[in-house]
Amino acid sequence: MKVKYFIIFISAIIVVGWNYYNCCENDNISIKKRTLLVNNTNYFIKGVCYHPVKIGEENRSFENIDQDLELMIEAGVNTIRVYSPIDDIKILDKINEAGIKIIIGIGYNQNGYYDILSGNFTDYIKKYKDHNAILMWELGNEYNYHPEWFEDNINNWYKALNEAALKIKEIDISKPISTAHGEIPSKSLVSKLDNIDVWGLNVYRWDDPTSIFKEWIDISEKPLYISEAGSDSYMTIEKDGYKKGENQIAQADANSKIIDAVFNNSDTVAGVLIFQFIDGLWKAGNPSKQDVGGWAPNSIGVPYDGAPNEEYWGILDINRNKKKSFEVIKKKYNN
């Protein structure tokens, strides 16, 4: 009898251990030529940029995370991109449980919030490097448009960027390191920033970014993803058959063509993140109402009026009502 109970006891330990292993083992993230792999399977980013700010406020809030994740799952989103670290294990766990990966953005100067300037970004890496939701560490967001932030010398940023990437590698080798560059970098810059594993590009080339993929082939063999692309749902002028004013059809048509261009070049690009999930009423005026206007560097390529109306970029409005663009993305991402 003692032998029998001993065998049962050992069997129970094995079963519990096996279940724990299967439950808690992290996904393996790797790179093969131009491709991202998760558990040795090609991972194609079908994403949205996510910076939820409530009406009347200016700071990010995850109060509606449950509703947002349900909508993301419905839309076929497998990846979200955030512009600063999420320091809340409950939020990260919910995102992971939804089967969604996160590209964690780390800024240069975020008033000491896990930023590169203070150096405490490494504290965040150490704290969350084993979290299964995190796909990549992404350093900076189109800072090449802002040399004034770096004593009017953008090389100061590139130096800080490469050094920060190296510090991350010393802590965590399980995840790739990327940067979100405004438009296409030079071949020499990509070569110089040798600690960057993957390149994200914020691209606004009307409704067809195809040309950038051809350019990238001549620049680098590293993986490329479109870290920002898309269109707002407001036309400042009547153009190309699209009426002036709020125009969800124009936004939906542009996003449809942009996504098609990315999908049709999946041998070169590792996916796209549409900007953005919900409208941002905090961006261009009174955060309690939706204002027309706003400005962004190098944004004349925004379809179809060449003007970025900063508070109309969501595929959902501020109340989570679905715009026509949501349905387009749902159809294409779930295909």
C-alpha atoms as a PDB file:
ATOM      1  CA  MET A   1       0.000   0.000   0.000  1.00  0.00           C
ATOM      2  CA  LYS A   2       2.815   2.379   0.833  1.00  0.00           C
ATOM      3  CA  VAL A   3       4.282   1.797  -2.631  1.00  0.00           C
ATOM      4  CA  LYS A   4       0.881   2.415  -4.207  1.00  0.00           C
ATOM      5  CA  TYR A   5       0.419   5.769  -2.425  1.00  0.00           C
ATOM      6  CA  PHE A   6       3.968   6.749  -3.200  1.00  0.00           C
ATOM      7  CA  ILE A   7       3.353   6.140  -6.916  1.00  0.00           C
ATOM      8  CA  ILE A   8       0.126   8.183  -6.749  1.00  0.00           C
ATOM      9  CA  PHE A   9       1.979  10.983  -4.954  1.00  0.00           C
ATOM     10  CA  ILE A  10       4.776  11.067  -7.519  1.00  0.00           C
ATOM     11  CA  SER A  11       2.268  10.959 -10.388  1.00  0.00           C
ATOM     12  CA  ALA A  12       0.417  13.913  -8.902  1.00  0.00           C
ATOM     13  CA  ILE A  13       3.630  15.924  -8.676  1.00  0.00           C
ATOM     14  CA  ILE A  14       4.421  15.140 -12.302  1.00  0.00           C
ATOM     15  CA  VAL A  15       0.940  16.189 -13.453  1.00  0.00           C
ATOM     16  CA  VAL A  16       1.028  19.434 -11.457  1.00  0.00           C
ATOM     17  CA  GLY A  17       4.522  20.186 -12.720  1.00  0.00           C
ATOM     18  CA  TRP A  18       3.533  19.508 -16.311  1.00  0.00           C
ATOM     19  CA  ASN A  19       0.462  21.717 -16.038  1.00  0.00           C
ATOM     20  CA  TYR A  20       2.542  24.465 -14.457  1.00  0.00           C
ATOM     21  CA  TYR A  21       5.103  24.185 -17.243  1.00  0.00           C
ATOM     22  CA  ASN A  22       2.476  24.401 -19.947  1.00  0.00           C
ATOM     23  CA  CYS A  23       0.633  27.219 -18.191  1.00  0.00           C
ATOM     24  CA  CYS A  24       3.559  29.378 -17.253  1.00  0.00           C
ATOM     25  CA  GLU A  25       6.196  28.815 -19.912  1.00  0.00           C
ATOM     26  CA  ASN A  26       6.791  32.005 -21.866  1.00  0.00           C
ATOM     27  CA  ASP A  27       6.493  32.206 -25.606  1.00  0.00           C
ATOM     28  CA  ASN A  28       9.814  32.119 -27.406  1.00  0.00           C
ATOM     29  CA  ILE A  29      10.370  35.234 -29.513  1.00  0.00           C
ATOM     30  CA  SER A  30      13.057  35.169 -32.174  1.00  0.00           C
ATOM     31  CA  ILE A  31      14.078  36.566 -35.554  1.00  0.00           C
ATOM     32  CA  LYS A  32      14.744  34.714 -38.772  1.00  0.00           C
ATOM     33  CA  LYS A  33      15.988  36.978 -41.560  1.00  0.00           C
ATOM     34  CA  ARG A  34      13.160  39.516 -42.110  1.00  0.00           C
ATOM     35  CA  THR A  35      10.614  37.627 -40.034  1.00  0.00           C
ATOM     36  CA  LEU A  36       9.471  37.720 -36.415  1.00  0.00           C
ATOM     37  CA  LEU A  37       8.869  34.298 -34.890  1.00  0.00           C
ATOM     38  CA  VAL A  38       6.832  33.342 -31.841  1.00  0.00           C
ATOM     39  CA  ASN A  39       7.468  29.744 -30.817  1.00  0.00           C
ATOM     40  CA  ASN A  40       9.240  29.213 -34.145  1.00  0.00           C
ATOM     41  CA  THR A  41       6.129  30.203 -36.098  1.00  0.00           C
ATOM     42  CA  ASN A  42       5.948  33.288 -38.293  1.00  0.00           C
ATOM     43  CA  TYR A  43       4.359  36.157 -36.376  1.00  0.00           C
ATOM     44  CA  PHE A  44       2.725  38.828 -38.521  1.00  0.00           C
ATOM     45  CA  ILE A  45       1.723  41.962 -36.643  1.00  0.00           C
ATOM     46  CA  LYS A  46      -1.937  42.906 -37.066  1.00  0.00           C
ATOM     47  CA  GLY A  47      -1.975  45.789 -34.693  1.00  0.00           C
ATOM     48  CA  VAL A  48      -3.239  49.102 -33.418  1.00  0.00           C
ATOM     49  CA  CYS A  49      -1.538  51.914 -31.554  1.00  0.00           C
ATOM     50  CA  TYR A  50      -3.142  52.233 -28.136  1.00  0.00           C
ATOM     51  CA  HIS A  51      -3.146  55.337 -25.954  1.00  0.00           C
ATOM     52  CA  PRO A  52      -6.522  55.545 -24.200  1.00  0.00           C
ATOM     53  CA  VAL A  53      -7.283  58.928 -22.635  1.00  0.00           C
ATOM     54  CA  LYS A  54     -10.720  59.660 -21.165  1.00  0.00           C
ATOM     55  CA  ILE A  55     -12.878  62.661 -22.104  1.00  0.00           C
ATOM     56  CA  GLY A  56     -11.724  65.793 -20.288  1.00  0.00           C
ATOM     57  CA  GLU A  57      -8.397  64.294 -19.265  1.00  0.00           C
ATOM     58  CA  GLU A  58      -4.870  64.349 -20.675  1.00  0.00           C
ATOM     59  CA  ASN A  59      -3.281  61.274 -19.129  1.00  0.00           C
ATOM     60  CA  ARG A  60      -3.602  57.665 -20.205  1.00  0.00           C
ATOM     61  CA  SER A  61      -6.136  55.499 -18.384  1.00  0.00           C
ATOM     62  CA  PHE A  62      -6.820  51.766 -18.607  1.00  0.00           C
ATOM     63  CA  GLU A  63     -10.221  52.035 -16.941  1.00  0.00           C
ATOM     64  CA  ASN A  64     -11.879  50.563 -20.047  1.00  0.00           C
ATOM     65  CA  ILE A  65      -9.303  47.820 -20.672  1.00  0.00           C
ATOM     66  CA  ASP A  66     -11.843  44.977 -20.501  1.00  0.00           C
ATOM     67  CA  GLN A  67     -14.112  46.552 -23.108  1.00  0.00           C
ATOM     68  CA  ASP A  68     -11.141  47.540 -25.242  1.00  0.00           C
ATOM     69  CA  LEU A  69      -9.698  44.031 -25.249  1.00  0.00           C
ATOM     70  CA  GLU A  70     -13.064  42.583 -26.275  1.00  0.00           C
ATOM     71  CA  LEU A  71     -13.168  45.011 -29.195  1.00  0.00           C
ATOM     72  CA  MET A  72      -9.566  44.232 -30.153  1.00  0.00           C
ATOM     73  CA  ILE A  73     -10.287  40.506 -30.162  1.00  0.00           C
ATOM     74  CA  GLU A  74     -13.349  41.121 -32.326  1.00  0.00           C
ATOM     75  CA  ALA A  75     -11.235  43.147 -34.763  1.00  0.00           C
ATOM     76  CA  GLY A  76      -8.571  40.434 -35.019  1.00  0.00           C
ATOM     77  CA  VAL A  77      -5.876  42.550 -33.374  1.00  0.00           C
ATOM     78  CA  ASN A  78      -2.922  40.456 -32.198  1.00  0.00           C
ATOM     79  CA  THR A  79      -0.563  43.291 -31.177  1.00  0.00           C
ATOM     80  CA  ILE A  80      -0.863  46.695 -29.521  1.00  0.00           C
ATOM     81  CA  ARG A  81       1.761  49.412 -29.402  1.00  0.00           C
ATOM     82  CA  VAL A  82       1.944  51.723 -26.397  1.00  0.00           C
ATOM     83  CA  TYR A  83       4.008  54.893 -26.155  1.00  0.00           C
ATOM     84  CA  SER A  84       5.178  54.455 -22.575  1.00  0.00           C
ATOM     85  CA  PRO A  85       5.564  51.440 -20.288  1.00  0.00           C
ATOM     86  CA  ILE A  86       2.557  49.876 -18.564  1.00  0.00           C
ATOM     87  CA  ASP A  87       3.527  49.528 -14.914  1.00  0.00           C
ATOM     88  CA  ASP A  88       0.543  47.478 -13.813  1.00  0.00           C
ATOM     89  CA  ILE A  89       0.812  43.704 -13.709  1.00  0.00           C
ATOM     90  CA  LYS A  90      -2.984  43.328 -13.744  1.00  0.00           C
ATOM     91  CA  ILE A  91      -3.259  45.188 -17.052  1.00  0.00           C
ATOM     92  CA  LEU A  92      -0.382  43.232 -18.572  1.00  0.00           C
ATOM     93  CA  ASP A  93      -1.955  39.986 -17.405  1.00  0.00           C
ATOM     94  CA  LYS A  94      -5.308  40.885 -18.957  1.00  0.00           C
ATOM     95  CA  ILE A  95      -3.641  41.660 -22.273  1.00  0.00           C
ATOM     96  CA  ASN A  96      -1.791  38.365 -22.141  1.00  0.00           C
ATOM     97  CA  GLU A  97      -4.956  36.442 -21.270  1.00  0.00           C
ATOM     98  CA  ALA A  98      -6.600  38.006 -24.325  1.00  0.00           C
ATOM     99  CA  GLY A  99      -3.860  36.477 -26.487  1.00  0.00           C
ATOM    100  CA  ILE A 100      -2.503  39.877 -27.495  1.00  0.00           C
ATOM    101  CA  LYS A 101       1.158  40.939 -27.549  1.00  0.00           C
ATOM    102  CA  ILE A 102       2.479  44.392 -26.622  1.00  0.00           C
ATOM    103  CA  ILE A 103       5.220  46.493 -28.129  1.00  0.00           C
ATOM    104  CA  ILE A 104       6.392  48.486 -25.110  1.00  0.00           C
ATOM    105  CA  GLY A 105       7.470  52.007 -26.016  1.00  0.00           C
ATOM    106  CA  ILE A 106      10.217  53.593 -23.949  1.00  0.00           C
ATOM    107  CA  GLY A 107      10.808  57.319 -24.284  1.00  0.00           C
ATOM    108  CA  TYR A 108      13.942  59.427 -23.941  1.00  0.00           C
ATOM    109  CA  ASN A 109      12.559  62.082 -21.577  1.00  0.00           C
ATOM    110  CA  GLN A 110       9.309  61.102 -19.871  1.00  0.00           C
ATOM    111  CA  ASN A 111       9.868  63.110 -16.702  1.00  0.00           C
ATOM    112  CA  GLY A 112      11.610  60.174 -15.089  1.00  0.00           C
ATOM    113  CA  TYR A 113       8.906  57.609 -15.894  1.00  0.00           C
ATOM    114  CA  TYR A 114      11.074  54.650 -16.895  1.00  0.00           C
ATOM    115  CA  ASP A 115      12.846  56.799 -19.458  1.00  0.00           C
ATOM    116  CA  ILE A 116      16.264  56.728 -21.069  1.00  0.00           C
ATOM    117  CA  LEU A 117      17.392  60.140 -19.786  1.00  0.00           C
ATOM    118  CA  SER A 118      17.001  59.145 -16.129  1.00  0.00           C
ATOM    119  CA  GLY A 119      18.331  55.670 -16.808  1.00  0.00           C
ATOM    120  CA  ASN A 120      15.561  54.014 -14.815  1.00  0.00           C
ATOM    121  CA  PHE A 121      14.104  52.364 -17.924  1.00  0.00           C
ATOM    122  CA  THR A 122      16.326  49.441 -16.968  1.00  0.00           C
ATOM    123  CA  ASP A 123      14.294  49.035 -13.782  1.00  0.00           C
ATOM    124  CA  TYR A 124      11.244  48.381 -15.937  1.00  0.00           C
ATOM    125  CA  ILE A 125      13.097  45.858 -18.092  1.00  0.00           C
ATOM    126  CA  LYS A 126      14.229  43.971 -14.979  1.00  0.00           C
ATOM    127  CA  LYS A 127      10.728  44.058 -13.510  1.00  0.00           C
ATOM    128  CA  TYR A 128       8.820  42.831 -16.556  1.00  0.00           C
ATOM    129  CA  LYS A 129      11.330  41.068 -18.806  1.00  0.00           C
ATOM    130  CA  ASP A 130       9.656  37.712 -18.164  1.00  0.00           C
ATOM    131  CA  HIS A 131       6.113  38.856 -18.865  1.00  0.00           C
ATOM    132  CA  ASN A 132       4.620  36.818 -21.667  1.00  0.00           C
ATOM    133  CA  ALA A 133       2.574  39.674 -23.152  1.00  0.00           C
ATOM    134  CA  ILE A 134       5.629  41.683 -24.195  1.00  0.00           C
ATOM    135  CA  LEU A 135       6.733  41.185 -27.798  1.00  0.00           C
ATOM    136  CA  MET A 136       9.418  43.859 -28.152  1.00  0.00           C
ATOM    137  CA  TRP A 137      11.070  46.810 -26.454  1.00  0.00           C
ATOM    138  CA  GLU A 138      10.676  49.881 -28.679  1.00  0.00           C
ATOM    139  CA  LEU A 139      12.915  52.896 -28.014  1.00  0.00           C
ATOM    140  CA  GLY A 140      11.699  56.337 -29.083  1.00  0.00           C
ATOM    141  CA  ASN A 141       8.968  57.492 -31.427  1.00  0.00           C
ATOM    142  CA  GLU A 142      10.059  59.356 -34.575  1.00  0.00           C
ATOM    143  CA  TYR A 143      12.563  61.431 -32.619  1.00  0.00           C
ATOM    144  CA  ASN A 144      14.455  62.068 -35.853  1.00  0.00           C
ATOM    145  CA  TYR A 145      11.848  64.791 -36.478  1.00  0.00           C
ATOM    146  CA  HIS A 146      12.873  66.557 -33.265  1.00  0.00           C
ATOM    147  CA  PRO A 147      16.566  67.447 -33.109  1.00  0.00           C
ATOM    148  CA  GLU A 148      15.570  70.371 -30.864  1.00  0.00           C
ATOM    149  CA  TRP A 149      15.036  67.815 -28.102  1.00  0.00           C
ATOM    150  CA  PHE A 150      18.708  66.829 -28.357  1.00  0.00           C
ATOM    151  CA  GLU A 151      20.575  70.144 -28.394  1.00  0.00           C
ATOM    152  CA  ASP A 152      19.801  70.498 -32.121  1.00  0.00           C
ATOM    153  CA  ASN A 153      21.973  67.489 -32.865  1.00  0.00           C
ATOM    154  CA  ILE A 154      20.025  64.323 -33.674  1.00  0.00           C
ATOM    155  CA  ASN A 155      23.204  62.285 -33.354  1.00  0.00           C
ATOM    156  CA  ASN A 156      22.883  62.776 -29.596  1.00  0.00           C
ATOM    157  CA  TRP A 157      19.675  60.769 -29.795  1.00  0.00           C
ATOM    158  CA  TYR A 158      21.185  58.042 -31.950  1.00  0.00           C
ATOM    159  CA  LYS A 159      24.038  57.614 -29.495  1.00  0.00           C
ATOM    160  CA  ALA A 160      21.639  57.395 -26.543  1.00  0.00           C
ATOM    161  CA  LEU A 161      19.430  54.995 -28.504  1.00  0.00           C
ATOM    162  CA  ASN A 162      22.206  52.535 -29.320  1.00  0.00           C
ATOM    163  CA  GLU A 163      23.580  52.665 -25.779  1.00  0.00           C
ATOM    164  CA  ALA A 164      20.114  52.083 -24.278  1.00  0.00           C
ATOM    165  CA  ALA A 165      19.595  49.093 -26.552  1.00  0.00           C
ATOM    166  CA  LEU A 166      22.885  47.616 -25.376  1.00  0.00           C
ATOM    167  CA  LYS A 167      21.860  48.052 -21.733  1.00  0.00           C
ATOM    168  CA  ILE A 168      18.638  46.165 -22.428  1.00  0.00           C
ATOM    169  CA  LYS A 169      20.573  43.317 -24.056  1.00  0.00           C
ATOM    170  CA  GLU A 170      22.642  43.015 -20.889  1.00  0.00           C
ATOM    171  CA  ILE A 171      19.413  42.427 -18.932  1.00  0.00           C
ATOM    172  CA  ASP A 172      17.127  40.664 -21.385  1.00  0.00           C
ATOM    173  CA  ILE A 173      18.045  38.670 -24.487  1.00  0.00           C
ATOM    174  CA  SER A 174      14.617  37.071 -24.822  1.00  0.00           C
ATOM    175  CA  LYS A 175      12.996  39.923 -26.752  1.00  0.00           C
ATOM    176  CA  PRO A 176      14.025  41.975 -29.787  1.00  0.00           C
ATOM    177  CA  ILE A 177      14.773  45.679 -29.462  1.00  0.00           C
ATOM    178  CA  SER A 178      13.308  48.102 -31.962  1.00  0.00           C
ATOM    179  CA  THR A 179      12.946  51.799 -32.571  1.00  0.00           C
ATOM    180  CA  ALA A 180      10.111  53.702 -34.257  1.00  0.00           C
ATOM    181  CA  HIS A 181      11.730  55.926 -36.865  1.00  0.00           C
ATOM    182  CA  GLY A 182       9.928  58.641 -38.775  1.00  0.00           C
ATOM    183  CA  GLU A 183       9.955  57.488 -42.401  1.00  0.00           C
ATOM    184  CA  ILE A 184      12.888  55.552 -43.839  1.00  0.00           C
ATOM    185  CA  PRO A 185      16.379  55.793 -42.303  1.00  0.00           C
ATOM    186  CA  SER A 186      19.603  55.826 -44.262  1.00  0.00           C
ATOM    187  CA  LYS A 187      21.603  52.658 -44.794  1.00  0.00           C
ATOM    188  CA  SER A 188      24.491  54.142 -42.841  1.00  0.00           C
ATOM    189  CA  LEU A 189      22.240  54.925 -39.867  1.00  0.00           C
ATOM    190  CA  VAL A 190      20.859  51.379 -39.742  1.00  0.00           C
ATOM    191  CA  SER A 191      24.410  50.051 -39.864  1.00  0.00           C
ATOM    192  CA  LYS A 192      25.519  52.475 -37.146  1.00  0.00           C
ATOM    193  CA  LEU A 193      22.691  51.473 -34.775  1.00  0.00           C
ATOM    194  CA  ASP A 194      23.884  47.894 -34.567  1.00  0.00           C
ATOM    195  CA  ASN A 195      22.092  47.144 -31.281  1.00  0.00           C
ATOM    196  CA  ILE A 196      18.667  47.612 -32.892  1.00  0.00           C
ATOM    197  CA  ASP A 197      17.261  44.224 -33.942  1.00  0.00           C
ATOM    198  CA  VAL A 198      14.041  45.300 -35.649  1.00  0.00           C
ATOM    199  CA  TRP A 199      13.008  48.589 -37.231  1.00  0.00           C
ATOM    200  CA  GLY A 200       9.618  50.223 -36.892  1.00  0.00           C
ATOM    201  CA  LEU A 201       8.766  52.970 -39.356  1.00  0.00           C
ATOM    202  CA  ASN A 202       6.026  55.583 -38.968  1.00  0.00           C
ATOM    203  CA  VAL A 203       4.902  55.906 -42.568  1.00  0.00           C
ATOM    204  CA  TYR A 204       2.385  58.318 -44.088  1.00  0.00           C
ATOM    205  CA  ARG A 205       2.641  57.937 -47.842  1.00  0.00           C
ATOM    206  CA  TRP A 206      -0.975  58.612 -48.726  1.00  0.00           C
ATOM    207  CA  ASP A 207      -2.828  55.295 -49.035  1.00  0.00           C
ATOM    208  CA  ASP A 208      -0.010  53.149 -50.438  1.00  0.00           C
ATOM    209  CA  PRO A 209       3.243  52.537 -48.508  1.00  0.00           C
ATOM    210  CA  THR A 210       4.462  49.933 -51.037  1.00  0.00           C
ATOM    211  CA  SER A 211       7.461  51.988 -52.157  1.00  0.00           C
ATOM    212  CA  ILE A 212       8.988  51.938 -48.678  1.00  0.00           C
ATOM    213  CA  PHE A 213       9.247  48.148 -48.717  1.00  0.00           C
ATOM    214  CA  LYS A 214      11.287  48.234 -51.900  1.00  0.00           C
ATOM    215  CA  GLU A 215      13.537  50.893 -50.399  1.00  0.00           C
ATOM    216  CA  TRP A 216      14.046  48.819 -47.233  1.00  0.00           C
ATOM    217  CA  ILE A 217      15.338  45.828 -49.182  1.00  0.00           C
ATOM    218  CA  ASP A 218      18.283  47.948 -50.335  1.00  0.00           C
ATOM    219  CA  ILE A 219      18.958  49.246 -46.818  1.00  0.00           C
ATOM    220  CA  SER A 220      18.838  46.270 -44.474  1.00  0.00           C
ATOM    221  CA  GLU A 221      18.101  42.584 -44.017  1.00  0.00           C
ATOM    222  CA  LYS A 222      16.643  43.198 -40.563  1.00  0.00           C
ATOM    223  CA  PRO A 223      12.909  42.805 -39.902  1.00  0.00           C
ATOM    224  CA  LEU A 224      10.721  45.825 -40.598  1.00  0.00           C
ATOM    225  CA  TYR A 225       7.252  46.629 -39.281  1.00  0.00           C
ATOM    226  CA  ILE A 226       5.081  49.676 -39.872  1.00  0.00           C
ATOM    227  CA  SER A 227       4.836  51.159 -36.386  1.00  0.00           C
ATOM    228  CA  GLU A 228       2.318  53.790 -37.475  1.00  0.00           C
ATOM    229  CA  ALA A 229       0.162  54.196 -40.554  1.00  0.00           C
ATOM    230  CA  GLY A 230      -3.382  55.190 -41.329  1.00  0.00           C
ATOM    231  CA  SER A 231      -5.687  58.141 -41.711  1.00  0.00           C
ATOM    232  CA  ASP A 232      -7.949  60.354 -39.645  1.00  0.00           C
ATOM    233  CA  SER A 233     -11.712  60.559 -40.155  1.00  0.00           C
ATOM    234  CA  TYR A 234     -11.907  64.292 -40.875  1.00  0.00           C
ATOM    235  CA  MET A 235     -11.482  66.007 -44.240  1.00  0.00           C
ATOM    236  CA  THR A 236     -10.379  69.651 -43.997  1.00  0.00           C
ATOM    237  CA  ILE A 237     -11.190  70.107 -47.686  1.00  0.00           C
ATOM    238  CA  GLU A 238     -13.251  68.304 -50.292  1.00  0.00           C
ATOM    239  CA  LYS A 239     -10.908  66.185 -52.376  1.00  0.00           C
ATOM    240  CA  ASP A 240     -10.801  63.006 -54.455  1.00  0.00           C
ATOM    241  CA  GLY A 241     -14.565  62.649 -54.140  1.00  0.00           C
ATOM    242  CA  TYR A 242     -14.517  62.805 -50.333  1.00  0.00           C
ATOM    243  CA  LYS A 243     -16.664  65.507 -48.738  1.00  0.00           C
ATOM    244  CA  LYS A 244     -15.347  68.063 -46.280  1.00  0.00           C
ATOM    245  CA  GLY A 245     -16.033  67.442 -42.590  1.00  0.00           C
ATOM    246  CA  GLU A 246     -16.133  64.248 -40.600  1.00  0.00           C
ATOM    247  CA  ASN A 247     -15.687  61.495 -43.143  1.00  0.00           C
ATOM    248  CA  GLN A 248     -15.444  57.930 -41.949  1.00  0.00           C
ATOM    249  CA  ILE A 249     -15.572  56.599 -45.506  1.00  0.00           C
ATOM    250  CA  ALA A 250     -12.346  58.393 -46.416  1.00  0.00           C
ATOM    251  CA  GLN A 251     -10.611  56.944 -43.349  1.00  0.00           C
ATOM    252  CA  ALA A 252     -11.933  53.438 -44.012  1.00  0.00           C
ATOM    253  CA  ASP A 253     -10.895  53.505 -47.676  1.00  0.00           C
ATOM    254  CA  ALA A 254      -7.390  54.701 -46.831  1.00  0.00           C
ATOM    255  CA  ASN A 255      -6.861  52.145 -44.062  1.00  0.00           C
ATOM    256  CA  SER A 256      -8.156  49.369 -46.305  1.00  0.00           C
ATOM    257  CA  LYS A 257      -5.623  50.176 -49.027  1.00  0.00           C
ATOM    258  CA  ILE A 258      -2.764  50.614 -46.546  1.00  0.00           C
ATOM    259  CA  ILE A 259      -3.428  47.230 -44.935  1.00  0.00           C
ATOM    260  CA  ASP A 260      -3.678  45.550 -48.345  1.00  0.00           C
ATOM    261  CA  ALA A 261      -0.301  47.011 -49.331  1.00  0.00           C
ATOM    262  CA  VAL A 262       1.315  45.675 -46.155  1.00  0.00           C
ATOM    263  CA  PHE A 263      -0.266  42.226 -46.463  1.00  0.00           C
ATOM    264  CA  ASN A 264       0.784  42.016 -50.112  1.00  0.00           C
ATOM    265  CA  ASN A 265       4.406  42.581 -49.076  1.00  0.00           C
ATOM    266  CA  SER A 266       4.544  40.167 -46.148  1.00  0.00           C
ATOM    267  CA  ASP A 267       7.836  38.741 -47.457  1.00  0.00           C
ATOM    268  CA  THR A 268       9.463  42.101 -46.659  1.00  0.00           C
ATOM    269  CA  VAL A 269       7.439  43.604 -43.815  1.00  0.00           C
ATOM    270  CA  ALA A 270       6.488  41.929 -40.516  1.00  0.00           C
ATOM    271  CA  GLY A 271       3.165  43.716 -40.124  1.00  0.00           C
ATOM    272  CA  VAL A 272       1.449  47.005 -39.374  1.00  0.00           C
ATOM    273  CA  LEU A 273      -0.028  48.960 -36.470  1.00  0.00           C
ATOM    274  CA  ILE A 274      -2.855  51.255 -37.501  1.00  0.00           C
ATOM    275  CA  PHE A 275      -2.893  54.594 -35.739  1.00  0.00           C
ATOM    276  CA  GLN A 276      -4.970  54.477 -33.571  1.00  0.00           C
ATOM    277  CA  PHE A 277      -7.524  52.589 -31.462  1.00  0.00           C
ATOM    278  CA  ILE A 278      -9.667  55.442 -30.072  1.00  0.00           C
ATOM    279  CA  ASP A 279      -9.963  59.156 -30.787  1.00  0.00           C
ATOM    280  CA  GLY A 280      -7.728  61.378 -28.672  1.00  0.00           C
ATOM    281  CA  LEU A 281      -9.629  64.462 -27.529  1.00  0.00           C
ATOM    282  CA  TRP A 282      -6.635  65.652 -25.512  1.00  0.00           C
ATOM    283  CA  LYS A 283      -4.416  66.335 -28.511  1.00  0.00           C
ATOM    284  CA  ALA A 284      -5.512  69.614 -30.109  1.00  0.00           C
ATOM    285  CA  GLY A 285      -7.457  71.846 -27.772  1.00  0.00           C
ATOM    286  CA  ASN A 286     -10.079  71.396 -25.090  1.00  0.00           C
ATOM    287  CA  PRO A 287      -9.861  67.749 -23.919  1.00  0.00           C
ATOM    288  CA  SER A 288     -13.574  67.819 -23.094  1.00  0.00           C
ATOM    289  CA  LYS A 289     -14.613  68.162 -26.732  1.00  0.00           C
ATOM    290  CA  GLN A 290     -13.479  67.045 -30.153  1.00  0.00           C
ATOM    291  CA  ASP A 291     -11.522  69.769 -31.934  1.00  0.00           C
ATOM    292  CA  VAL A 292     -10.515  70.047 -35.558  1.00  0.00           C
ATOM    293  CA  GLY A 293      -6.842  70.687 -36.133  1.00  0.00           C
ATOM    294  CA  GLY A 294      -3.533  69.609 -34.785  1.00  0.00           C
ATOM    295  CA  TRP A 295      -0.191  69.217 -36.408  1.00  0.00           C
ATOM    296  CA  ALA A 296       2.370  66.476 -36.783  1.00  0.00           C
ATOM    297  CA  PRO A 297       5.805  66.512 -38.419  1.00  0.00           C
ATOM    298  CA  ASN A 298       6.053  65.219 -41.998  1.00  0.00           C
ATOM    299  CA  SER A 299       2.321  64.618 -42.149  1.00  0.00           C
ATOM    300  CA  ILE A 300       1.486  66.015 -45.586  1.00  0.00           C
ATOM    301  CA  GLY A 301       1.163  62.398 -46.730  1.00  0.00           C
ATOM    302  CA  VAL A 302      -1.990  61.839 -44.656  1.00  0.00           C
ATOM    303  CA  PRO A 303      -4.851  60.756 -46.941  1.00  0.00           C
ATOM    304  CA  TYR A 304      -6.862  62.307 -48.426  1.00  0.00           C
ATOM    305  CA  ASP A 305      -6.432  65.969 -47.541  1.00  0.00           C
ATOM    306  CA  GLY A 306      -2.794  66.061 -46.407  1.00  0.00           C
ATOM    307  CA  ALA A 307      -3.862  67.386 -43.004  1.00  0.00           C
ATOM    308  CA  PRO A 308      -3.672  65.413 -39.760  1.00  0.00           C
ATOM    309  CA  ASN A 309      -6.702  66.205 -37.640  1.00  0.00           C
ATOM    310  CA  GLU A 310      -5.163  64.833 -34.481  1.00  0.00           C
ATOM    311  CA  GLU A 311      -8.373  64.138 -32.563  1.00  0.00           C
ATOM    312  CA  TYR A 312     -10.021  62.011 -35.279  1.00  0.00           C
ATOM    313  CA  TRP A 313      -7.556  59.143 -35.729  1.00  0.00           C
ATOM    314  CA  GLY A 314      -9.438  56.430 -33.845  1.00  0.00           C
ATOM    315  CA  ILE A 315     -11.053  53.422 -35.448  1.00  0.00           C
ATOM    316  CA  LEU A 316     -13.445  53.971 -32.536  1.00  0.00           C
ATOM    317  CA  ASP A 317     -14.731  57.270 -31.285  1.00  0.00           C
ATOM    318  CA  ILE A 318     -14.093  58.331 -27.685  1.00  0.00           C
ATOM    319  CA  ASN A 319     -17.241  56.477 -26.536  1.00  0.00           C
ATOM    320  CA  ARG A 320     -16.081  53.242 -28.191  1.00  0.00           C
ATOM    321  CA  ASN A 321     -18.588  53.494 -31.024  1.00  0.00           C
ATOM    322  CA  LYS A 322     -17.237  51.673 -34.063  1.00  0.00           C
ATOM    323  CA  LYS A 323     -16.275  53.748 -37.065  1.00  0.00           C
ATOM    324  CA  LYS A 324     -16.382  52.321 -40.587  1.00  0.00           C
ATOM    325  CA  SER A 325     -12.637  51.750 -40.318  1.00  0.00           C
ATOM    326  CA  PHE A 326     -13.193  49.283 -37.463  1.00  0.00           C
ATOM    327  CA  GLU A 327     -15.249  47.055 -39.727  1.00  0.00           C
ATOM    328  CA  VAL A 328     -12.619  47.239 -42.469  1.00  0.00           C
ATOM    329  CA  ILE A 329      -9.864  46.221 -40.079  1.00  0.00           C
ATOM    330  CA  LYS A 330     -12.036  43.474 -38.585  1.00  0.00           C
ATOM    331  CA  LYS A 331     -12.567  41.963 -42.023  1.00  0.00           C
ATOM    332  CA  LYS A 332      -8.907  42.148 -43.058  1.00  0.00           C
ATOM    333  CA  TYR A 333      -7.262  41.151 -39.761  1.00  0.00           C
ATOM    334  CA  ASN A 334      -9.556  38.146 -39.359  1.00  0.00           C
ATOM    335  CA  ASN A 335      -8.984  36.945 -42.915  1.00  0.00           C
END
